[in-house]
């Protein structure tokens, strides 16, 4: 089995989302390599809409695979400012490039300091047992 990757420059949640700080209080969100591996082949992604207010820990979308449907959780409180429309036609990018073209949405966070409160890569890997 190949080793799953977890970039050190990202922050993580216990729900297997990753967060990339884009600056100016904007973050990009996706699911981790662990999550996409556990899901199997992703066939559909339901994302929040631009302008949606999201709350940390609340479901804001779904990721559907050949095995199951899983909720997508917002890692932080804020407003959705962009979504990855490319996933409509190519949901498999979540599997092939979870930290690249498989990103889910971007949001303007209510409290940029909350980004630092998320798990760092070592803390996240520790949750995987």
Protein backbone atom coordinates (compact mmCIF):
# COMPACT_ATOMS: atom_id res chain seq x y z
CA UNK A 1 0.00 0.00 0.00
CA UNK A 2 1.39 3.40 -0.90
CA UNK A 3 1.87 5.95 1.84
CA UNK A 4 -0.87 8.59 1.84
CA UNK A 5 0.33 12.18 1.73
CA UNK A 6 -0.46 14.95 4.20
CA UNK A 7 1.21 18.25 3.23
CA UNK A 8 2.86 19.94 6.21
CA UNK A 9 1.78 23.44 5.17
CA UNK A 10 -1.93 22.67 5.62
CA UNK A 11 -4.18 22.54 8.68
CA UNK A 12 -6.55 19.63 9.30
CA UNK A 13 -9.77 18.71 11.11
CA UNK A 14 -10.78 15.54 12.90
CA UNK A 15 -13.43 15.14 10.16
CA UNK A 16 -10.65 14.71 7.55
CA UNK A 17 -10.88 18.10 5.88
CA UNK A 18 -7.77 20.10 5.02
CA UNK A 19 -7.48 23.87 5.08
CA UNK A 20 -5.00 25.95 3.07
CA UNK A 21 -4.56 29.57 4.15
CA UNK A 22 -4.73 31.69 0.98
CA UNK A 23 -4.21 34.98 2.83
CA UNK A 24 -6.57 37.85 3.67
CA UNK A 25 -8.75 35.53 5.76
CA UNK A 26 -9.56 33.25 2.81
CA UNK A 27 -8.98 29.51 3.01
CA UNK A 28 -9.32 26.67 0.50
CA UNK A 29 -10.96 23.47 1.79
CA UNK A 30 -10.87 19.87 0.61
CA UNK A 31 -10.82 16.35 1.99
CA UNK A 32 -7.64 14.55 2.94
CA UNK A 33 -5.96 11.65 1.22
CA UNK A 34 -7.18 9.45 4.07
CA UNK A 35 -10.79 10.50 3.48
CA UNK A 36 -10.73 9.98 -0.29
CA UNK A 37 -8.98 6.62 0.21
CA UNK A 38 -11.63 5.50 2.73
CA UNK A 39 -14.45 6.65 0.45
CA UNK A 40 -13.20 4.89 -2.66
CA UNK A 41 -14.04 6.17 -6.14
CA UNK A 42 -15.79 9.53 -5.83
CA UNK A 43 -18.66 9.82 -8.32
CA UNK A 44 -20.45 13.00 -7.20
CA UNK A 45 -19.75 16.03 -5.03
CA UNK A 46 -22.42 18.36 -3.64
CA UNK A 47 -20.89 21.67 -2.57
CA UNK A 48 -22.20 24.71 -0.72
CA UNK A 49 -23.18 27.74 -2.79
CA UNK A 50 -21.15 30.94 -3.06
CA UNK A 51 -22.55 33.31 -0.45
CA UNK A 52 -23.59 30.54 1.96
CA UNK A 53 -22.78 31.21 5.60
CA UNK A 54 -21.20 28.10 7.12
CA UNK A 55 -20.52 27.16 10.73
CA UNK A 56 -17.54 25.18 11.95
CA UNK A 57 -18.44 21.50 12.28
CA UNK A 58 -21.70 21.76 10.35
CA UNK A 59 -22.40 19.75 7.22
CA UNK A 60 -22.22 21.95 4.12
CA UNK A 61 -22.16 19.37 1.34
CA UNK A 62 -21.77 15.71 0.44
CA UNK A 63 -19.21 13.49 -1.19
CA UNK A 64 -20.70 10.43 -2.89
CA UNK A 65 -18.60 7.43 -3.81
CA UNK A 66 -19.31 4.00 -5.20
CA UNK A 67 -19.33 2.78 -1.57
CA UNK A 68 -21.13 5.47 0.43
CA UNK A 69 -22.22 9.07 0.87
CA UNK A 70 -20.32 11.18 3.38
CA UNK A 71 -21.02 14.65 4.69
CA UNK A 72 -18.60 17.45 3.93
CA UNK A 73 -18.10 19.58 7.04
CA UNK A 74 -17.10 23.20 7.25
CA UNK A 75 -13.80 23.43 9.15
CA UNK A 76 -14.41 27.04 10.20
CA UNK A 77 -17.11 29.68 10.48
CA UNK A 78 -17.43 32.07 7.57
CA UNK A 79 -18.85 32.67 4.11
CA UNK A 80 -18.31 30.58 0.99
CA UNK A 81 -16.59 32.73 -1.66
CA UNK A 82 -15.77 30.12 -4.34
CA UNK A 83 -16.59 26.52 -5.22
CA UNK A 84 -14.76 24.09 -7.47
CA UNK A 85 -17.27 23.76 -10.32
CA UNK A 86 -14.84 21.47 -12.17
CA UNK A 87 -15.86 18.68 -9.79
CA UNK A 88 -19.31 18.59 -11.42
CA UNK A 89 -17.79 17.04 -14.51
CA UNK A 90 -14.73 15.41 -12.96
CA UNK A 91 -15.45 14.30 -9.38
CA UNK A 92 -12.61 11.76 -9.67
CA UNK A 93 -10.20 14.65 -9.12
CA UNK A 94 -11.01 14.30 -5.42
CA UNK A 95 -9.28 10.90 -5.61
CA UNK A 96 -6.47 11.73 -7.99
CA UNK A 97 -5.51 15.13 -6.57
CA UNK A 98 -7.16 15.72 -3.17
CA UNK A 99 -4.83 18.66 -2.41
CA UNK A 100 -4.78 20.02 -5.96
CA UNK A 101 -7.57 20.00 -8.54
CA UNK A 102 -9.80 18.07 -6.12
CA UNK A 103 -10.30 21.01 -3.73
CA UNK A 104 -13.91 21.65 -2.70
CA UNK A 105 -14.55 25.30 -1.80
CA UNK A 106 -13.00 28.52 -0.56
CA UNK A 107 -14.33 30.58 2.30
CA UNK A 108 -13.71 33.91 3.99
CA UNK A 109 -13.33 32.99 7.66
CA UNK A 110 -14.98 34.99 10.42
CA UNK A 111 -11.89 34.68 12.65
CA UNK A 112 -8.56 34.14 10.86
CA UNK A 113 -6.97 33.17 14.20
CA UNK A 114 -9.20 30.07 14.19
CA UNK A 115 -7.11 28.66 11.31
CA UNK A 116 -4.17 28.22 13.67
CA UNK A 117 -6.40 26.36 16.13
CA UNK A 118 -6.92 23.53 13.63
CA UNK A 119 -4.70 20.44 13.73
CA UNK A 120 -1.20 20.58 12.30
CA UNK A 121 0.00 17.67 10.19
CA UNK A 122 1.52 15.72 13.09
CA UNK A 123 -1.58 16.12 15.26
CA UNK A 124 -3.79 15.05 12.35
CA UNK A 125 -1.71 11.97 11.58
CA UNK A 126 -1.93 11.05 15.29
CA UNK A 127 -5.76 10.94 14.97
CA UNK A 128 -5.45 8.29 12.27
CA UNK A 129 -4.12 5.79 14.77
